[in-house]
Structures are given as structure tokens and as C-alpha cells.
Protein backbone atom coordinates (compact mmCIF):
# COMPACT_ATOMS: atom_id res chain seq x y z
CA UNK A 1 -21.34 17.82 -2.04
CA UNK A 2 -21.12 14.77 -4.33
CA UNK A 3 -18.27 12.28 -4.05
CA UNK A 4 -16.78 13.49 -7.35
CA UNK A 5 -16.84 17.15 -6.30
CA UNK A 6 -15.39 16.30 -2.91
CA UNK A 7 -12.54 14.41 -4.54
CA UNK A 8 -11.80 17.26 -6.98
CA UNK A 9 -11.82 19.71 -4.07
CA UNK A 10 -9.35 17.58 -2.12
CA UNK A 11 -7.04 17.23 -5.12
CA UNK A 12 -7.20 21.02 -5.53
CA UNK A 13 -6.09 21.33 -1.90
CA UNK A 14 -3.07 19.13 -2.61
CA UNK A 15 -2.18 21.37 -5.56
CA UNK A 16 -2.66 24.45 -3.35
CA UNK A 17 -0.19 23.04 -0.83
CA UNK A 18 2.42 22.82 -3.56
CA UNK A 19 1.84 26.48 -4.43
CA UNK A 20 2.15 27.56 -0.80
CA UNK A 21 5.40 25.65 -0.43
CA UNK A 22 6.74 27.28 -3.60
CA UNK A 23 5.85 30.75 -2.35
CA UNK A 24 7.46 30.04 1.03
CA UNK A 25 10.61 28.80 -0.68
CA UNK A 26 11.07 31.65 -3.15
CA UNK A 27 8.39 34.34 -2.87
CA UNK A 28 6.73 35.28 -6.16
CA UNK A 29 9.34 33.47 -8.20
CA UNK A 30 8.85 30.34 -6.13
CA UNK A 31 5.08 30.61 -6.55
CA UNK A 32 5.41 30.73 -10.34
CA UNK A 33 7.82 27.79 -10.31
CA UNK A 34 5.47 25.81 -8.05
CA UNK A 35 2.51 26.65 -10.31
CA UNK A 36 4.36 25.32 -13.35
CA UNK A 37 5.47 22.29 -11.36
CA UNK A 38 1.88 21.64 -10.19
CA UNK A 39 0.59 21.78 -13.77
CA UNK A 40 3.35 19.45 -14.93
CA UNK A 41 2.76 17.07 -12.00
CA UNK A 42 -0.99 16.91 -12.69
CA UNK A 43 -0.29 16.19 -16.37
CA UNK A 44 2.34 13.59 -15.54
CA UNK A 45 0.11 12.09 -12.85
CA UNK A 46 -2.70 11.57 -15.34
CA UNK A 47 -0.59 9.89 -18.00
CA UNK A 48 2.20 8.25 -16.03
CA UNK A 49 1.08 7.83 -12.39
CA UNK A 50 0.72 4.06 -12.81
CA UNK A 51 4.30 3.73 -14.10
CA UNK A 52 5.61 5.99 -11.32
CA UNK A 53 3.88 4.04 -8.55
CA UNK A 54 4.87 0.66 -10.01
CA UNK A 55 8.49 1.79 -10.29
CA UNK A 56 8.44 2.89 -6.63
CA UNK A 57 8.06 -0.77 -5.70
CA UNK A 58 10.09 -2.36 -8.52
CA UNK A 59 7.00 -4.13 -9.85
CA UNK A 60 7.36 -6.34 -12.91
CA UNK A 61 4.60 -7.61 -15.18
CA UNK A 62 3.46 -11.21 -15.02
CA UNK A 63 2.45 -12.80 -18.31
CA UNK A 64 -0.28 -15.45 -18.59
CA UNK A 65 2.39 -18.15 -18.81
CA UNK A 66 3.99 -16.96 -15.55
CA UNK A 67 0.85 -17.34 -13.42
CA UNK A 68 -2.07 -18.75 -15.44
CA UNK A 69 -4.22 -19.32 -12.37
CA UNK A 70 -3.81 -15.69 -11.29
CA UNK A 71 -4.73 -14.42 -14.75
CA UNK A 72 -7.78 -16.71 -14.82
CA UNK A 73 -9.08 -15.30 -11.51
CA UNK A 74 -8.54 -11.68 -12.57
CA UNK A 75 -10.18 -12.32 -15.97
CA UNK A 76 -13.24 -13.83 -14.28
CA UNK A 77 -13.58 -10.93 -11.84
CA UNK A 78 -13.04 -8.32 -14.55
CA UNK A 79 -15.82 -9.88 -16.61
CA UNK A 80 -18.11 -9.76 -13.59
CA UNK A 81 -17.24 -6.09 -13.12
CA UNK A 82 -17.82 -5.24 -16.78
CA UNK A 83 -14.27 -4.00 -17.42
CA UNK A 84 -11.35 -5.15 -19.60
CA UNK A 85 -8.95 -7.56 -17.92
CA UNK A 86 -6.19 -5.51 -16.25
CA UNK A 87 -2.51 -6.31 -16.50
CA UNK A 88 -0.95 -8.09 -13.52
CA UNK A 89 2.33 -7.14 -11.85
CA UNK A 90 4.25 -8.68 -8.96
CA UNK A 91 6.21 -6.73 -6.33
CA UNK A 92 9.33 -8.54 -5.06
CA UNK A 93 8.62 -8.15 -1.35
CA UNK A 94 7.67 -10.53 1.45
CA UNK A 95 5.11 -8.15 2.95
CA UNK A 96 1.64 -9.39 1.86
CA UNK A 97 -0.28 -6.62 0.11
CA UNK A 98 -1.85 -5.52 -3.19
CA UNK A 99 -3.05 -2.43 -5.06
CA UNK A 100 -4.53 -1.33 -8.39
CA UNK A 101 -3.40 1.58 -10.53
CA UNK A 102 -3.89 3.12 -13.98
CA UNK A 103 -5.69 6.13 -15.44
CA UNK A 104 -8.78 4.17 -16.58
CA UNK A 105 -10.09 0.58 -16.84
CA UNK A 106 -8.53 0.20 -20.29
CA UNK A 107 -5.05 0.93 -18.86
CA UNK A 108 -5.36 -0.66 -15.42
CA UNK A 109 -2.89 -2.79 -13.49
CA UNK A 110 -3.38 -5.03 -10.47
CA UNK A 111 -0.17 -5.42 -8.45
CA UNK A 112 0.40 -8.09 -5.81
CA UNK A 113 3.42 -8.77 -3.64
CA UNK A 114 5.17 -12.11 -3.63
CA UNK A 115 4.27 -12.34 0.05
CA UNK A 116 0.51 -12.16 -0.46
CA UNK A 117 0.54 -15.15 -2.81
CA UNK A 118 2.24 -17.20 -0.08
CA UNK A 119 0.25 -15.85 2.88
CA UNK A 120 -3.34 -16.30 1.68
CA UNK A 121 -5.45 -19.23 0.64
CA UNK A 122 -6.69 -19.23 -2.98
CA UNK A 123 -10.15 -18.16 -1.78
CA UNK A 124 -8.74 -15.28 0.28
CA UNK A 125 -6.51 -14.15 -2.58
CA UNK A 126 -9.53 -14.16 -4.89
CA UNK A 127 -11.30 -11.88 -2.40
CA UNK A 128 -8.35 -9.47 -2.45
CA UNK A 129 -8.21 -9.46 -6.23
CA UNK A 130 -11.96 -8.77 -6.32
CA UNK A 131 -11.35 -5.73 -4.10
CA UNK A 132 -8.71 -4.41 -6.50
CA UNK A 133 -10.85 -5.06 -9.57
CA UNK A 134 -13.64 -3.18 -7.75
CA UNK A 135 -11.34 -0.15 -7.42
CA UNK A 136 -10.88 -0.24 -11.18
CA UNK A 137 -14.59 -0.70 -11.88
CA UNK A 138 -15.42 2.16 -9.48
CA UNK A 139 -12.91 4.48 -11.24
CA UNK A 140 -10.92 4.98 -8.03
CA UNK A 141 -7.48 4.17 -9.33
CA UNK A 142 -6.68 7.42 -11.17
CA UNK A 143 -7.64 9.54 -8.16
CA UNK A 144 -5.58 7.40 -5.79
CA UNK A 145 -2.58 7.41 -8.12
CA UNK A 146 -2.68 11.19 -8.69
CA UNK A 147 -2.99 11.78 -4.94
CA UNK A 148 0.02 9.54 -4.33
CA UNK A 149 2.19 11.34 -6.90
CA UNK A 150 1.17 14.81 -5.66
CA UNK A 151 1.80 13.68 -2.09
CA UNK A 152 5.29 12.50 -3.05
CA UNK A 153 6.01 15.88 -4.68
CA UNK A 154 4.83 17.76 -1.58
CA UNK A 155 7.02 15.61 0.66
CA UNK A 156 10.07 16.24 -1.53
CA UNK A 157 9.51 20.02 -1.71
CA UNK A 158 8.86 20.21 2.03
CA UNK A 159 12.09 18.35 2.83
CA UNK A 160 14.10 20.67 0.58
CA UNK A 161 12.43 23.68 2.19
CA UNK A 162 13.19 22.38 5.69
CA UNK A 163 16.88 22.10 4.88
CA UNK A 164 16.87 25.49 3.16
CA UNK A 165 15.13 27.21 6.08
CA UNK A 166 17.46 25.67 8.64
CA UNK A 167 20.76 26.07 6.81
CA UNK A 168 20.16 28.61 4.08
CA UNK A 169 20.12 31.63 6.33
CA UNK A 170 17.21 33.82 7.40
CA UNK A 171 15.50 35.89 4.76
CA UNK A 172 12.62 38.30 4.70
CA UNK A 173 9.41 36.29 5.06
CA UNK A 174 7.84 38.33 2.26
CA UNK A 175 10.31 36.74 -0.15
CA UNK A 176 10.06 33.25 1.38
CA UNK A 177 12.19 31.44 3.92
CA UNK A 178 12.55 32.16 7.62
CA UNK A 179 10.50 30.65 10.42
CA UNK A 180 7.20 30.79 8.52
CA UNK A 181 8.71 28.76 5.68
CA UNK A 182 10.05 26.20 8.14
CA UNK A 183 6.66 25.95 9.87
CA UNK A 184 4.90 25.43 6.54
CA UNK A 185 7.45 22.81 5.50
CA UNK A 186 6.69 20.89 8.68
CA UNK A 187 2.90 21.23 8.43
CA UNK A 188 2.47 20.60 4.68
CA UNK A 189 3.36 16.86 4.73
CA UNK A 190 0.88 16.30 7.56
CA UNK A 191 -1.80 18.22 5.69
CA UNK A 192 -1.10 16.22 2.53
CA UNK A 193 -1.43 12.99 4.50
CA UNK A 194 -4.78 14.07 5.97
CA UNK A 195 -6.08 14.98 2.50
CA UNK A 196 -4.98 11.60 1.11
CA UNK A 197 -6.70 9.96 4.08
CA UNK A 198 -9.97 11.73 3.30
CA UNK A 199 -9.78 10.68 -0.35
CA UNK A 200 -8.92 7.08 0.44
CA UNK A 201 -11.16 6.01 3.32
CA UNK A 202 -14.56 6.28 1.65
CA UNK A 203 -13.28 4.54 -1.48
CA UNK A 204 -11.98 1.58 0.55
CA UNK A 205 -15.41 0.88 2.04
CA UNK A 206 -16.97 0.97 -1.41
CA UNK A 207 -14.29 -1.30 -2.90
CA UNK A 208 -14.81 -3.82 -0.09
CA UNK A 209 -18.53 -3.96 -0.80
CA UNK A 210 -18.19 -4.02 -4.59
CA UNK A 211 -15.42 -6.62 -4.44
CA UNK A 212 -17.50 -8.85 -2.15
CA UNK A 213 -20.37 -8.69 -4.63
CA UNK A 214 -18.08 -9.48 -7.57
CA UNK A 215 -16.64 -12.53 -5.85
CA UNK A 216 -19.92 -13.55 -4.23
CA UNK A 217 -18.02 -14.45 -1.04
CA UNK A 218 -17.72 -11.52 1.42
CA UNK A 219 -16.28 -13.72 4.18
CA UNK A 220 -13.25 -14.65 2.03
CA UNK A 221 -12.32 -10.97 1.78
CA UNK A 222 -13.02 -10.46 5.51
CA UNK A 223 -10.69 -13.36 6.35
CA UNK A 224 -8.02 -12.00 4.00
CA UNK A 225 -8.20 -8.52 5.54
CA UNK A 226 -7.74 -9.91 9.05
CA UNK A 227 -4.75 -11.97 7.96
CA UNK A 228 -3.17 -9.10 6.01
CA UNK A 229 -3.69 -6.64 8.86
CA UNK A 230 -1.83 -8.92 11.27
CA UNK A 231 0.96 -9.64 8.77
CA UNK A 232 1.51 -5.96 7.90
CA UNK A 233 2.40 -5.26 11.53
CA UNK A 234 5.08 -7.95 11.48
CA UNK A 235 6.44 -7.56 7.93
CA UNK A 236 6.41 -3.87 6.92
CA UNK A 237 6.59 -2.98 3.25
CA UNK A 238 9.76 -1.30 2.00
CA UNK A 239 8.95 1.78 -0.04
CA UNK A 240 7.64 5.33 -0.12
CA UNK A 241 4.81 5.83 2.44
CA UNK A 242 3.14 8.50 0.27
CA UNK A 243 1.58 5.69 -1.79
CA UNK A 244 0.14 3.85 1.22
CA UNK A 245 -3.39 4.96 0.30
CA UNK A 246 -3.32 2.67 -2.74
CA UNK A 247 -2.78 -0.62 -0.90
CA UNK A 248 -5.61 -2.86 0.32
CA UNK A 249 -4.24 -2.63 3.88
CA UNK A 250 -1.94 0.05 5.27
CA UNK A 251 1.56 -1.33 4.62
CA UNK A 252 3.13 0.93 7.25
CA UNK A 253 0.51 0.45 9.96
CA UNK A 254 1.72 0.77 13.52
CA UNK A 255 -1.61 0.81 15.35
CA UNK A 256 -2.35 2.93 18.41
CA UNK A 257 -2.54 6.70 18.08
CA UNK A 258 -1.03 6.65 14.58
CA UNK A 259 -4.05 4.70 13.32
CA UNK A 260 -6.10 7.88 13.70
CA UNK A 261 -4.15 9.29 10.76
CA UNK A 262 -4.28 6.14 8.63
CA UNK A 263 -5.37 6.44 5.02
CA UNK A 264 -7.45 3.29 5.59
CA UNK A 265 -10.65 2.84 7.61
CA UNK A 266 -10.45 0.85 10.87
CA UNK A 267 -9.93 -2.79 9.98
CA UNK A 268 -12.46 -4.05 12.52
CA UNK A 269 -15.14 -1.91 10.92
CA UNK A 270 -14.27 -3.09 7.41
CA UNK A 271 -14.49 -6.72 8.52
CA UNK A 272 -17.78 -6.20 10.34
CA UNK A 273 -19.32 -4.56 7.27
CA UNK A 274 -18.33 -7.56 5.17
CA UNK A 275 -19.77 -9.97 7.72
CA UNK A 276 -23.01 -8.00 7.75
CA UNK A 277 -23.11 -8.19 3.95
CA UNK A 278 -22.58 -11.96 4.15
CA UNK A 279 -25.47 -12.24 6.60
CA UNK A 280 -27.74 -10.27 4.26
CA UNK A 281 -26.73 -12.44 1.32
CA UNK A 282 -27.39 -15.55 3.37
CA UNK A 283 -30.84 -14.26 4.27
């Protein structure tokens, strides 16, 4: 199965989860409502997912006069990647992180937190920006944004269904509700997270490699990843965890057993791959 087909299949699974939750909540009527909602969410995700995700984190756009050096770096990397220069937004949070969003390279945005501009050296920040520009050049950003919006919808429906199943009284399972509805409401968010994880992990490896080639300095990105990984454990990001797959490092990382369910590949492996690429370039 090609990467594109695999991604479409996984997005179809996310949509299917919404339909199952709708059926559990209201039987046939709930299924129809969920179907309409899924169609609307997919349409909205395509056209407005970037605005939705940016609003989740209160991001504001930075003009060239606000940060000329940042715009110069992004313009250089975008030219190397053969794409239009994306807009730049800043997230008013101390947690150091970054992501890219938008439905295509012509409507792309690179978002950075205030914390990342303080935490990294200029060379490390350039490596991070190269990673995000690589996501845009590789056409990852629409898929990641749609997955985040669908995941948020599933979480919301599941929470409503949990409250309804627990306090709305027991109903015939054929018409939705009851213990089966409660079980599905508990399982669906986990399933959505696993699907987002499968979509995200392979794209992160590719963005690391592409970004390192765009910048020409794989070790700068490797150093940035190590610094960001350590900082994210001390300064967690405030926001909706359903969009964690979009960030360069997991902003809600806790390590240990929970790392098995992370939307991001193991950090040690990402860093080692970049070091191996640097060795090959040096040779």
C-alpha cells in the first residue's frame, strides 16, 4: 500500500469512528446526524483547518517588520524547497515548539512559540524552520491538520456520549446508549489517537530528512530536537492535545509507558538518523 493510500485509509477510519459514535448515541438518527457532521467536518477541515488549529493556540501573524530575520530564514528555506514563502505566526506560550499548517503550499503557515525563539540558537531555530518548511514541501500539512480537526470532533462527541450514557438513563442498545455506547465512547478517543499516531510518525522522519537537506546542516536540527525534547518535559504546552501530531516535538510528552502511544517517533531514533545523515554528507 502506498503512503497516500495508507493515509486516505487512516483518515477514512477516523471518519468511521465518528459514524460509530453517532450510531451509539442515537441509533439510525444518530448515524445520519454523524454522517452529515462527518461530511461537514471534512469540508471544513479542508478549507479552514489551518484557522481552527491556529485559533486553538491563539496564534497571531508576524509581519516582515515584526521579525525580519525570521522572515528571511523562512524565505531562504522556502526557495530551497521550491515552494512559496509561507506566512509566519507566533504562539504566545513559553513552551518551545513549532508546527506548520495549511491546505497547500500556497496557503501555508509556519507557527512558532515565543519560547522556541528564546530557547534555541539561531542555527538550531533555522533547523526547526527547515523541518516545518519540509512538511509543507512534502504536502504533509493538510493531512495533519484534517486529522487534528477530526480527532477533536471525535473527542468532543465521545465526551458527550460518556455523560449521556452515564446520566441519561439506560436505553435499548439497538437505538444507542447503554453500556455498549459507554464502552465505545471510552475506546473511540484512544483509537483516534492511535490512528493519528500512525499518520504522523512516518511523516516526521521524512520531514527531518528533508529539512536537514534544505538547511544543509543536519546536526543543527539534531541539537534542536534534543533541546526541545528536554524543554517540553519541563514546560508543557497549554492547549488541546488532539493537535499534538502537528508539532515538531510532542508538546504533552511524559515519557515512560505513555511514549508508546506518542504521535511522534522516539526522539533518540530521530536524532541518530540525523547524525547518520550528517556523517554521510561529510563523507
